[in-house]
């Protein structure tokens, strides 16, 4: 079974939602518990036996978001246009946090991060979440890379 980055991101979002609803004392134990549950699921329900780079990709995002949550939220809150972060749905909050983490700390291109985040929010939540996630992450991307907001360096033909 080939596991895509999309699947790895889906697992990361599920884990981040779990951590948001019930913050873990020990992130490593929390992740191990999550992986044990995933291993017991039927493959049609997203289950798989995970190791190596697949697990590392997901773990990096979950640990990265959880260990940098204050810095991420510090970037996120001003982009919410007078919304309190706690008013966001749990899914939207997890997707936005992971998207901002990826743009701040990974080498994944911002356009890829935004596209994946939009797809994840639509998959787990719905079209309204899709619009919110797109708007917030686009604003973050432009603030993190001012060349994009001026049009310089922006992809052509869009």
C-alpha atoms as a PDB file:
ATOM      1  CA  UNK A   1       0.000   0.000   0.000  1.00  0.00           C
ATOM      2  CA  UNK A   2       1.427   3.367  -1.036  1.00  0.00           C
ATOM      3  CA  UNK A   3       0.951   6.055   1.574  1.00  0.00           C
ATOM      4  CA  UNK A   4       0.760   9.600   0.255  1.00  0.00           C
ATOM      5  CA  UNK A   5       1.739  12.830   1.951  1.00  0.00           C
ATOM      6  CA  UNK A   6      -1.963  13.621   1.948  1.00  0.00           C
ATOM      7  CA  UNK A   7      -2.668  10.499   4.050  1.00  0.00           C
ATOM      8  CA  UNK A   8       0.152  11.415   6.420  1.00  0.00           C
ATOM      9  CA  UNK A   9      -1.320  14.908   6.789  1.00  0.00           C
ATOM     10  CA  UNK A  10      -4.763  13.417   7.457  1.00  0.00           C
ATOM     11  CA  UNK A  11      -3.301  11.401  10.317  1.00  0.00           C
ATOM     12  CA  UNK A  12      -1.529  14.502  11.639  1.00  0.00           C
ATOM     13  CA  UNK A  13      -4.796  16.474  11.630  1.00  0.00           C
ATOM     14  CA  UNK A  14      -6.604  13.663  13.437  1.00  0.00           C
ATOM     15  CA  UNK A  15      -3.851  13.553  16.050  1.00  0.00           C
ATOM     16  CA  UNK A  16      -3.830  17.335  16.449  1.00  0.00           C
ATOM     17  CA  UNK A  17      -7.596  17.356  16.932  1.00  0.00           C
ATOM     18  CA  UNK A  18      -7.207  14.679  19.617  1.00  0.00           C
ATOM     19  CA  UNK A  19      -4.472  16.690  21.309  1.00  0.00           C
ATOM     20  CA  UNK A  20      -6.572  19.862  21.126  1.00  0.00           C
ATOM     21  CA  UNK A  21      -9.551  18.148  22.751  1.00  0.00           C
ATOM     22  CA  UNK A  22      -7.487  16.298  25.352  1.00  0.00           C
ATOM     23  CA  UNK A  23      -4.007  17.847  25.667  1.00  0.00           C
ATOM     24  CA  UNK A  24      -1.421  15.122  26.284  1.00  0.00           C
ATOM     25  CA  UNK A  25       1.100  15.288  29.124  1.00  0.00           C
ATOM     26  CA  UNK A  26       3.568  13.195  27.142  1.00  0.00           C
ATOM     27  CA  UNK A  27       3.517  13.764  23.379  1.00  0.00           C
ATOM     28  CA  UNK A  28       5.581  10.664  22.576  1.00  0.00           C
ATOM     29  CA  UNK A  29       3.172   8.391  24.486  1.00  0.00           C
ATOM     30  CA  UNK A  30       0.232  10.170  22.868  1.00  0.00           C
ATOM     31  CA  UNK A  31       1.685   9.551  19.396  1.00  0.00           C
ATOM     32  CA  UNK A  32       2.397   5.905  20.186  1.00  0.00           C
ATOM     33  CA  UNK A  33      -1.218   5.444  21.305  1.00  0.00           C
ATOM     34  CA  UNK A  34      -2.469   7.094  18.109  1.00  0.00           C
ATOM     35  CA  UNK A  35      -0.312   4.842  15.925  1.00  0.00           C
ATOM     36  CA  UNK A  36      -1.572   1.754  17.746  1.00  0.00           C
ATOM     37  CA  UNK A  37      -5.156   2.767  17.008  1.00  0.00           C
ATOM     38  CA  UNK A  38      -4.358   3.455  13.345  1.00  0.00           C
ATOM     39  CA  UNK A  39      -2.727   0.022  13.056  1.00  0.00           C
ATOM     40  CA  UNK A  40      -5.956  -1.649  14.226  1.00  0.00           C
ATOM     41  CA  UNK A  41      -8.197   0.068  11.669  1.00  0.00           C
ATOM     42  CA  UNK A  42      -9.273  -1.567   8.466  1.00  0.00           C
ATOM     43  CA  UNK A  43      -7.298  -0.114   5.510  1.00  0.00           C
ATOM     44  CA  UNK A  44     -10.572   1.152   4.021  1.00  0.00           C
ATOM     45  CA  UNK A  45     -10.994   3.258   7.188  1.00  0.00           C
ATOM     46  CA  UNK A  46      -7.497   4.731   7.035  1.00  0.00           C
ATOM     47  CA  UNK A  47      -5.706   2.022   8.953  1.00  0.00           C
ATOM     48  CA  UNK A  48      -2.161   0.960   8.200  1.00  0.00           C
ATOM     49  CA  UNK A  49       0.982  -0.277   9.831  1.00  0.00           C
ATOM     50  CA  UNK A  50       3.232   2.763   9.751  1.00  0.00           C
ATOM     51  CA  UNK A  51       6.954   3.127  10.188  1.00  0.00           C
ATOM     52  CA  UNK A  52       9.937   4.942   8.742  1.00  0.00           C
ATOM     53  CA  UNK A  53       9.481   8.127   6.772  1.00  0.00           C
ATOM     54  CA  UNK A  54       5.693   7.888   6.763  1.00  0.00           C
ATOM     55  CA  UNK A  55       5.577   7.995  10.527  1.00  0.00           C
ATOM     56  CA  UNK A  56       8.383  10.547  10.746  1.00  0.00           C
ATOM     57  CA  UNK A  57       6.529  12.949   8.418  1.00  0.00           C
ATOM     58  CA  UNK A  58       3.388  12.821  10.556  1.00  0.00           C
ATOM     59  CA  UNK A  59       5.212  12.864  13.897  1.00  0.00           C
ATOM     60  CA  UNK A  60       7.256  15.872  12.807  1.00  0.00           C
ATOM     61  CA  UNK A  61       4.101  17.867  12.124  1.00  0.00           C
ATOM     62  CA  UNK A  62       2.300  16.855  15.305  1.00  0.00           C
ATOM     63  CA  UNK A  63       5.319  17.437  17.541  1.00  0.00           C
ATOM     64  CA  UNK A  64       6.168  20.623  15.668  1.00  0.00           C
ATOM     65  CA  UNK A  65       2.719  22.118  16.130  1.00  0.00           C
ATOM     66  CA  UNK A  66       2.406  21.054  19.764  1.00  0.00           C
ATOM     67  CA  UNK A  67       5.863  22.284  20.744  1.00  0.00           C
ATOM     68  CA  UNK A  68       5.442  25.622  18.927  1.00  0.00           C
ATOM     69  CA  UNK A  69       1.761  26.220  19.590  1.00  0.00           C
ATOM     70  CA  UNK A  70       2.240  29.584  21.325  1.00  0.00           C
ATOM     71  CA  UNK A  71       4.347  30.960  18.458  1.00  0.00           C
ATOM     72  CA  UNK A  72       1.893  29.556  15.897  1.00  0.00           C
ATOM     73  CA  UNK A  73      -1.125  31.000  17.698  1.00  0.00           C
ATOM     74  CA  UNK A  74       0.723  34.319  17.982  1.00  0.00           C
ATOM     75  CA  UNK A  75       0.866  34.399  14.182  1.00  0.00           C
ATOM     76  CA  UNK A  76      -2.642  32.984  13.712  1.00  0.00           C
ATOM     77  CA  UNK A  77      -4.738  35.170  16.026  1.00  0.00           C
ATOM     78  CA  UNK A  78      -4.037  38.491  14.234  1.00  0.00           C
ATOM     79  CA  UNK A  79      -5.141  36.894  10.953  1.00  0.00           C
ATOM     80  CA  UNK A  80      -8.567  35.897  12.288  1.00  0.00           C
ATOM     81  CA  UNK A  81     -10.149  39.355  11.834  1.00  0.00           C
ATOM     82  CA  UNK A  82     -11.581  39.901  15.316  1.00  0.00           C
ATOM     83  CA  UNK A  83     -12.328  36.230  15.887  1.00  0.00           C
ATOM     84  CA  UNK A  84     -11.171  34.506  19.031  1.00  0.00           C
ATOM     85  CA  UNK A  85      -9.168  31.357  18.284  1.00  0.00           C
ATOM     86  CA  UNK A  86     -11.501  29.365  20.529  1.00  0.00           C
ATOM     87  CA  UNK A  87     -14.449  30.236  18.253  1.00  0.00           C
ATOM     88  CA  UNK A  88     -12.838  28.281  15.433  1.00  0.00           C
ATOM     89  CA  UNK A  89     -13.930  24.705  14.988  1.00  0.00           C
ATOM     90  CA  UNK A  90     -11.442  22.152  16.255  1.00  0.00           C
ATOM     91  CA  UNK A  91     -10.738  20.914  12.727  1.00  0.00           C
ATOM     92  CA  UNK A  92     -10.170  24.402  11.354  1.00  0.00           C
ATOM     93  CA  UNK A  93      -7.880  25.264  14.267  1.00  0.00           C
ATOM     94  CA  UNK A  94      -5.814  22.103  13.701  1.00  0.00           C
ATOM     95  CA  UNK A  95      -5.577  22.656   9.937  1.00  0.00           C
ATOM     96  CA  UNK A  96      -4.577  26.305  10.343  1.00  0.00           C
ATOM     97  CA  UNK A  97      -1.998  25.518  13.013  1.00  0.00           C
ATOM     98  CA  UNK A  98      -0.425  22.783  10.922  1.00  0.00           C
ATOM     99  CA  UNK A  99      -0.457  25.009   7.826  1.00  0.00           C
ATOM    100  CA  UNK A 100       1.285  27.835   9.650  1.00  0.00           C
ATOM    101  CA  UNK A 101       3.777  25.390  11.185  1.00  0.00           C
ATOM    102  CA  UNK A 102       4.592  24.005   7.731  1.00  0.00           C
ATOM    103  CA  UNK A 103       5.114  27.489   6.303  1.00  0.00           C
ATOM    104  CA  UNK A 104       7.267  28.559   9.265  1.00  0.00           C
ATOM    105  CA  UNK A 105       9.328  25.433   9.875  1.00  0.00           C
ATOM    106  CA  UNK A 106       9.312  23.143   6.826  1.00  0.00           C
ATOM    107  CA  UNK A 107      10.639  23.507   3.314  1.00  0.00           C
ATOM    108  CA  UNK A 108       7.281  22.705   1.734  1.00  0.00           C
ATOM    109  CA  UNK A 109       6.318  25.486  -0.725  1.00  0.00           C
ATOM    110  CA  UNK A 110       3.596  27.753   0.638  1.00  0.00           C
ATOM    111  CA  UNK A 111       1.307  27.082  -2.326  1.00  0.00           C
ATOM    112  CA  UNK A 112       1.466  23.336  -1.610  1.00  0.00           C
ATOM    113  CA  UNK A 113       0.785  23.899   2.100  1.00  0.00           C
ATOM    114  CA  UNK A 114      -2.235  26.077   1.337  1.00  0.00           C
ATOM    115  CA  UNK A 115      -3.615  23.650  -1.245  1.00  0.00           C
ATOM    116  CA  UNK A 116      -3.246  20.673   1.110  1.00  0.00           C
ATOM    117  CA  UNK A 117      -4.803  22.623   3.981  1.00  0.00           C
ATOM    118  CA  UNK A 118      -7.779  23.619   1.830  1.00  0.00           C
ATOM    119  CA  UNK A 119      -8.312  19.993   0.787  1.00  0.00           C
ATOM    120  CA  UNK A 120      -8.017  18.758   4.383  1.00  0.00           C
ATOM    121  CA  UNK A 121     -10.449  21.356   5.716  1.00  0.00           C
ATOM    122  CA  UNK A 122     -12.933  20.532   2.976  1.00  0.00           C
ATOM    123  CA  UNK A 123     -12.559  16.795   3.624  1.00  0.00           C
ATOM    124  CA  UNK A 124     -12.887  16.968   7.413  1.00  0.00           C
ATOM    125  CA  UNK A 125     -15.224  19.946   7.727  1.00  0.00           C
ATOM    126  CA  UNK A 126     -16.810  21.499   4.639  1.00  0.00           C
ATOM    127  CA  UNK A 127     -16.855  24.329   2.075  1.00  0.00           C
ATOM    128  CA  UNK A 128     -17.096  27.145   4.642  1.00  0.00           C
ATOM    129  CA  UNK A 129     -13.984  25.867   6.377  1.00  0.00           C
ATOM    130  CA  UNK A 130     -12.267  25.722   3.006  1.00  0.00           C
ATOM    131  CA  UNK A 131     -12.813  29.451   2.458  1.00  0.00           C
ATOM    132  CA  UNK A 132     -11.654  30.352   5.959  1.00  0.00           C
ATOM    133  CA  UNK A 133      -8.496  28.248   5.716  1.00  0.00           C
ATOM    134  CA  UNK A 134      -7.657  29.616   2.268  1.00  0.00           C
ATOM    135  CA  UNK A 135      -8.067  33.234   3.381  1.00  0.00           C
ATOM    136  CA  UNK A 136      -6.096  32.922   6.611  1.00  0.00           C
ATOM    137  CA  UNK A 137      -3.206  30.907   5.183  1.00  0.00           C
ATOM    138  CA  UNK A 138      -2.996  33.139   2.112  1.00  0.00           C
ATOM    139  CA  UNK A 139      -2.694  36.198   4.395  1.00  0.00           C
ATOM    140  CA  UNK A 140      -0.030  34.429   6.450  1.00  0.00           C
ATOM    141  CA  UNK A 141       1.904  33.424   3.345  1.00  0.00           C
ATOM    142  CA  UNK A 142       1.861  36.973   2.014  1.00  0.00           C
ATOM    143  CA  UNK A 143       2.948  38.403   5.373  1.00  0.00           C
ATOM    144  CA  UNK A 144       5.755  35.826   5.611  1.00  0.00           C
ATOM    145  CA  UNK A 145       6.825  36.543   2.017  1.00  0.00           C
ATOM    146  CA  UNK A 146       6.033  40.186   1.134  1.00  0.00           C
ATOM    147  CA  UNK A 147       7.106  39.595  -2.495  1.00  0.00           C
ATOM    148  CA  UNK A 148       3.905  37.581  -2.970  1.00  0.00           C
ATOM    149  CA  UNK A 149       1.606  40.389  -1.828  1.00  0.00           C
ATOM    150  CA  UNK A 150       3.212  42.827  -4.271  1.00  0.00           C
ATOM    151  CA  UNK A 151       2.864  40.390  -7.141  1.00  0.00           C
ATOM    152  CA  UNK A 152       6.624  39.881  -7.482  1.00  0.00           C
ATOM    153  CA  UNK A 153       7.519  36.234  -7.489  1.00  0.00           C
ATOM    154  CA  UNK A 154       3.889  35.193  -7.770  1.00  0.00           C
ATOM    155  CA  UNK A 155       3.186  32.343 -10.172  1.00  0.00           C
ATOM    156  CA  UNK A 156       2.042  33.499 -13.585  1.00  0.00           C
ATOM    157  CA  UNK A 157      -0.961  32.241 -15.464  1.00  0.00           C
ATOM    158  CA  UNK A 158      -3.328  32.048 -12.519  1.00  0.00           C
END
